[in-house]
C-alpha atoms as a PDB file:
ATOM      1  CA  MET A   1     -29.400  64.452  13.798  1.00  0.00           C
ATOM      2  CA  ILE A   2     -29.273  61.257  11.583  1.00  0.00           C
ATOM      3  CA  THR A   3     -29.874  57.943  12.791  1.00  0.00           C
ATOM      4  CA  TYR A   4     -26.773  55.383  12.080  1.00  0.00           C
ATOM      5  CA  SER A   5     -27.588  51.886  10.628  1.00  0.00           C
ATOM      6  CA  THR A   6     -25.052  49.445   9.701  1.00  0.00           C
ATOM      7  CA  THR A   7     -24.895  48.174   6.519  1.00  0.00           C
ATOM      8  CA  PRO A   8     -23.266  45.011   5.000  1.00  0.00           C
ATOM      9  CA  LYS A   9     -20.025  47.103   3.812  1.00  0.00           C
ATOM     10  CA  ASP A  10     -19.528  48.392   7.422  1.00  0.00           C
ATOM     11  CA  ILE A  11     -19.074  44.896   8.765  1.00  0.00           C
ATOM     12  CA  GLU A  12     -16.082  43.299   9.492  1.00  0.00           C
ATOM     13  CA  LYS A  13     -15.876  39.756  10.583  1.00  0.00           C
ATOM     14  CA  LYS A  14     -12.972  38.657  12.814  1.00  0.00           C
ATOM     15  CA  TRP A  15     -12.333  34.925  13.862  1.00  0.00           C
ATOM     16  CA  ILE A  16     -11.806  34.112  17.387  1.00  0.00           C
ATOM     17  CA  LEU A  17     -10.581  30.811  19.133  1.00  0.00           C
ATOM     18  CA  ILE A  18     -11.679  29.553  22.471  1.00  0.00           C
ATOM     19  CA  ASP A  19     -10.183  26.975  24.280  1.00  0.00           C
ATOM     20  CA  ALA A  20     -13.055  25.181  26.004  1.00  0.00           C
ATOM     21  CA  GLU A  21     -11.015  22.983  28.516  1.00  0.00           C
ATOM     22  CA  GLY A  22     -11.966  23.438  32.209  1.00  0.00           C
ATOM     23  CA  LEU A  23     -14.394  26.184  31.528  1.00  0.00           C
ATOM     24  CA  VAL A  24     -17.765  26.392  32.817  1.00  0.00           C
ATOM     25  CA  LEU A  25     -20.621  25.774  30.294  1.00  0.00           C
ATOM     26  CA  GLY A  26     -22.929  28.703  31.188  1.00  0.00           C
ATOM     27  CA  ARG A  27     -20.503  31.324  31.120  1.00  0.00           C
ATOM     28  CA  LEU A  28     -18.583  29.947  27.684  1.00  0.00           C
ATOM     29  CA  ALA A  29     -22.135  30.063  26.282  1.00  0.00           C
ATOM     30  CA  ALA A  30     -22.931  33.215  27.374  1.00  0.00           C
ATOM     31  CA  PHE A  31     -19.577  34.881  25.955  1.00  0.00           C
ATOM     32  CA  VAL A  32     -19.844  33.362  22.689  1.00  0.00           C
ATOM     33  CA  ALA A  33     -23.617  34.036  22.162  1.00  0.00           C
ATOM     34  CA  THR A  34     -22.670  37.890  22.440  1.00  0.00           C
ATOM     35  CA  ARG A  35     -19.578  37.389  20.226  1.00  0.00           C
ATOM     36  CA  LEU A  36     -21.848  35.795  17.405  1.00  0.00           C
ATOM     37  CA  ARG A  37     -24.707  38.519  17.859  1.00  0.00           C
ATOM     38  CA  GLY A  38     -21.929  41.174  17.767  1.00  0.00           C
ATOM     39  CA  LYS A  39     -23.304  43.134  20.787  1.00  0.00           C
ATOM     40  CA  HIS A  40     -19.584  43.668  21.919  1.00  0.00           C
ATOM     41  CA  LEU A  41     -19.393  46.014  18.913  1.00  0.00           C
ATOM     42  CA  ALA A  42     -20.398  49.741  18.752  1.00  0.00           C
ATOM     43  CA  LYS A  43     -21.738  49.277  15.294  1.00  0.00           C
ATOM     44  CA  TYR A  44     -24.137  46.353  16.658  1.00  0.00           C
ATOM     45  CA  SER A  45     -27.203  46.273  14.834  1.00  0.00           C
ATOM     46  CA  PRO A  46     -29.989  43.879  15.785  1.00  0.00           C
ATOM     47  CA  HIS A  47     -31.204  42.808  12.465  1.00  0.00           C
ATOM     48  CA  MET A  48     -27.924  42.033  10.893  1.00  0.00           C
ATOM     49  CA  ASP A  49     -25.060  39.574  11.385  1.00  0.00           C
ATOM     50  CA  THR A  50     -22.475  41.913  12.771  1.00  0.00           C
ATOM     51  CA  GLY A  51     -20.685  39.131  14.966  1.00  0.00           C
ATOM     52  CA  ASP A  52     -17.530  37.340  14.756  1.00  0.00           C
ATOM     53  CA  ASN A  53     -16.916  33.699  13.592  1.00  0.00           C
ATOM     54  CA  VAL A  54     -16.150  31.631  16.835  1.00  0.00           C
ATOM     55  CA  ILE A  55     -13.984  28.484  16.781  1.00  0.00           C
ATOM     56  CA  ILE A  56     -14.415  26.365  20.253  1.00  0.00           C
ATOM     57  CA  ILE A  57     -12.024  23.537  20.737  1.00  0.00           C
ATOM     58  CA  ASN A  58     -11.911  20.927  23.374  1.00  0.00           C
ATOM     59  CA  ALA A  59     -15.691  20.980  23.840  1.00  0.00           C
ATOM     60  CA  ASP A  60     -15.785  17.590  25.559  1.00  0.00           C
ATOM     61  CA  LYS A  61     -13.593  18.883  28.416  1.00  0.00           C
ATOM     62  CA  VAL A  62     -16.247  21.371  29.178  1.00  0.00           C
ATOM     63  CA  GLU A  63     -17.162  21.865  33.014  1.00  0.00           C
ATOM     64  CA  LEU A  64     -20.408  22.038  34.681  1.00  0.00           C
ATOM     65  CA  THR A  65     -21.392  23.441  38.045  1.00  0.00           C
ATOM     66  CA  GLY A  66     -23.175  21.579  40.815  1.00  0.00           C
ATOM     67  CA  ASN A  67     -25.040  18.411  40.061  1.00  0.00           C
ATOM     68  CA  LYS A  68     -25.816  19.554  36.466  1.00  0.00           C
ATOM     69  CA  LEU A  69     -24.129  16.890  35.138  1.00  0.00           C
ATOM     70  CA  LYS A  70     -26.051  14.176  36.314  1.00  0.00           C
ATOM     71  CA  ASP A  71     -29.513  16.074  37.329  1.00  0.00           C
ATOM     72  CA  LYS A  72     -30.283  18.393  34.169  1.00  0.00           C
ATOM     73  CA  ILE A  73     -31.926  16.699  31.338  1.00  0.00           C
ATOM     74  CA  TYR A  74     -32.345  17.425  27.828  1.00  0.00           C
ATOM     75  CA  TYR A  75     -35.813  16.624  26.141  1.00  0.00           C
ATOM     76  CA  TRP A  76     -36.654  16.037  22.688  1.00  0.00           C
ATOM     77  CA  HIS A  77     -39.593  14.728  20.652  1.00  0.00           C
ATOM     78  CA  THR A  78     -39.560  12.411  17.740  1.00  0.00           C
ATOM     79  CA  GLY A  79     -42.868  13.416  16.488  1.00  0.00           C
ATOM     80  CA  TYR A  80     -44.572  10.119  17.124  1.00  0.00           C
ATOM     81  CA  PRO A  81     -46.940   9.342  19.980  1.00  0.00           C
ATOM     82  CA  GLY A  82     -45.123   8.714  23.290  1.00  0.00           C
ATOM     83  CA  GLY A  83     -41.861   9.697  21.376  1.00  0.00           C
ATOM     84  CA  ILE A  84     -40.412  11.907  23.979  1.00  0.00           C
ATOM     85  CA  LYS A  85     -36.744  11.094  24.589  1.00  0.00           C
ATOM     86  CA  SER A  86     -34.133  12.442  27.080  1.00  0.00           C
ATOM     87  CA  ARG A  87     -30.574  12.823  27.892  1.00  0.00           C
ATOM     88  CA  THR A  88     -28.079  13.949  30.295  1.00  0.00           C
ATOM     89  CA  PRO A  89     -25.193  16.190  29.788  1.00  0.00           C
ATOM     90  CA  ASP A  90     -22.918  13.382  31.151  1.00  0.00           C
ATOM     91  CA  GLN A  91     -24.377  10.800  28.780  1.00  0.00           C
ATOM     92  CA  ILE A  92     -23.687  13.534  25.751  1.00  0.00           C
ATOM     93  CA  LEU A  93     -20.266  13.983  26.528  1.00  0.00           C
ATOM     94  CA  LYS A  94     -19.265  10.621  26.956  1.00  0.00           C
ATOM     95  CA  GLY A  95     -21.089   9.890  23.590  1.00  0.00           C
ATOM     96  CA  GLN A  96     -20.217  10.173  20.065  1.00  0.00           C
ATOM     97  CA  PHE A  97     -20.843  13.880  19.613  1.00  0.00           C
ATOM     98  CA  PRO A  98     -19.813  15.697  22.903  1.00  0.00           C
ATOM     99  CA  GLU A  99     -19.600  18.867  21.136  1.00  0.00           C
ATOM    100  CA  ARG A 100     -23.613  19.093  21.044  1.00  0.00           C
ATOM    101  CA  VAL A 101     -23.524  20.315  24.852  1.00  0.00           C
ATOM    102  CA  VAL A 102     -21.901  23.255  23.994  1.00  0.00           C
ATOM    103  CA  SER A 103     -23.652  24.099  20.750  1.00  0.00           C
ATOM    104  CA  LYS A 104     -26.753  23.727  22.376  1.00  0.00           C
ATOM    105  CA  ALA A 105     -26.172  25.807  25.285  1.00  0.00           C
ATOM    106  CA  ILE A 106     -25.039  28.596  22.946  1.00  0.00           C
ATOM    107  CA  GLN A 107     -28.213  28.162  20.375  1.00  0.00           C
ATOM    108  CA  ARG A 108     -30.616  28.557  23.432  1.00  0.00           C
ATOM    109  CA  MET A 109     -28.827  31.816  24.440  1.00  0.00           C
ATOM    110  CA  LEU A 110     -29.748  33.368  21.006  1.00  0.00           C
ATOM    111  CA  PRO A 111     -33.106  34.934  20.132  1.00  0.00           C
ATOM    112  CA  THR A 112     -35.263  32.036  18.252  1.00  0.00           C
ATOM    113  CA  ASN A 113     -35.821  33.443  14.636  1.00  0.00           C
ATOM    114  CA  LYS A 114     -34.014  33.401  11.318  1.00  0.00           C
ATOM    115  CA  LEU A 115     -31.135  35.410  12.269  1.00  0.00           C
ATOM    116  CA  SER A 116     -30.053  33.157  15.082  1.00  0.00           C
ATOM    117  CA  ARG A 117     -29.903  30.371  12.756  1.00  0.00           C
ATOM    118  CA  LYS A 118     -27.757  32.427  10.323  1.00  0.00           C
ATOM    119  CA  LEU A 119     -25.595  33.144  13.349  1.00  0.00           C
ATOM    120  CA  MET A 120     -25.050  29.482  14.421  1.00  0.00           C
ATOM    121  CA  THR A 121     -23.417  28.930  10.851  1.00  0.00           C
ATOM    122  CA  ASN A 122     -20.502  31.109  12.370  1.00  0.00           C
ATOM    123  CA  LEU A 123     -19.804  28.885  15.003  1.00  0.00           C
ATOM    124  CA  ARG A 124     -17.569  25.963  15.089  1.00  0.00           C
ATOM    125  CA  VAL A 125     -17.335  23.311  17.762  1.00  0.00           C
ATOM    126  CA  TYR A 126     -14.877  20.475  17.839  1.00  0.00           C
ATOM    127  CA  ALA A 127     -14.486  18.035  20.567  1.00  0.00           C
ATOM    128  CA  GLY A 128     -10.574  17.675  20.093  1.00  0.00           C
ATOM    129  CA  SER A 129      -7.719  20.140  20.092  1.00  0.00           C
ATOM    130  CA  GLU A 130      -7.598  19.958  16.243  1.00  0.00           C
ATOM    131  CA  HIS A 131      -9.678  22.376  13.818  1.00  0.00           C
ATOM    132  CA  PRO A 132      -9.247  22.930  10.125  1.00  0.00           C
ATOM    133  CA  HIS A 133      -9.532  26.916  10.339  1.00  0.00           C
ATOM    134  CA  ALA A 134      -5.765  27.764  10.858  1.00  0.00           C
ATOM    135  CA  ALA A 135      -5.645  29.958   7.633  1.00  0.00           C
ATOM    136  CA  GLN A 136      -8.152  32.287   9.233  1.00  0.00           C
ATOM    137  CA  ASN A 137      -5.650  33.225  11.793  1.00  0.00           C
ATOM    138  CA  PRO A 138      -7.853  33.242  14.571  1.00  0.00           C
ATOM    139  CA  GLU A 139      -7.451  35.502  17.572  1.00  0.00           C
ATOM    140  CA  ILE A 140      -6.738  33.351  20.783  1.00  0.00           C
ATOM    141  CA  ILE A 141      -9.011  34.503  23.564  1.00  0.00           C
ATOM    142  CA  ASP A 142      -8.276  32.999  27.079  1.00  0.00           C
ATOM    143  CA  LEU A 143     -12.060  33.233  28.580  1.00  0.00           C
ATOM    144  CA  GLY A 144     -10.338  31.233  32.019  1.00  0.00           C
ATOM    145  CA  SER A 145      -8.370  34.341  32.530  1.00  0.00           C
ATOM    146  CA  MET A 146     -10.853  37.152  32.435  1.00  0.00           C
ATOM    147  CA  ASN A 147     -12.891  36.029  35.533  1.00  0.00           C
ATOM    148  CA  ARG A 148     -12.086  33.487  38.107  1.00  0.00           C
ATOM    149  CA  LYS A 149     -15.610  32.282  38.020  1.00  0.00           C
ATOM    150  CA  ASN A 150     -15.143  31.067  34.283  1.00  0.00           C
ATOM    151  CA  THR A 151     -12.953  28.244  35.186  1.00  0.00           C
ATOM    152  CA  ARG A 152     -14.178  25.266  37.590  1.00  0.00           C
ATOM    153  CA  SER A 153     -11.875  24.976  40.728  1.00  0.00           C
ATOM    154  CA  LYS A 154     -11.579  21.272  41.968  1.00  0.00           C
ATOM    155  CA  VAL A 155     -12.277  21.614  45.528  1.00  0.00           C
END
């Protein structure tokens, strides 16, 4: 028996479009990370970029469950002594680049290596509802209707 290995000519990349309005951030990020890696395909190969190109619109309208909007803290360090900085998702979503909350959540669900940096180039996140990728004819995926937990119900 011969072991099958995916080659670059076997890879067929699709374009998918996801509207993030009202979706739970973690569930959206997990779904997109799986699509970027290509783990939903039978021809998945862990050392190759077999995943799809993903477009996310309305990233500024994503929901966080519980008290994460105020309690979760993103830290980074400037490289200088005493240079630790922090922001909450609420501050980022109200700031200049609200799409960074979604892209950072997806990035942290991918392995930390060269391949994940390549996979992140297949992700396009936009804060508004407009995107410049209409020529690629992306397949629209309604993630909210797949599971009732994917959307945040207002109680």
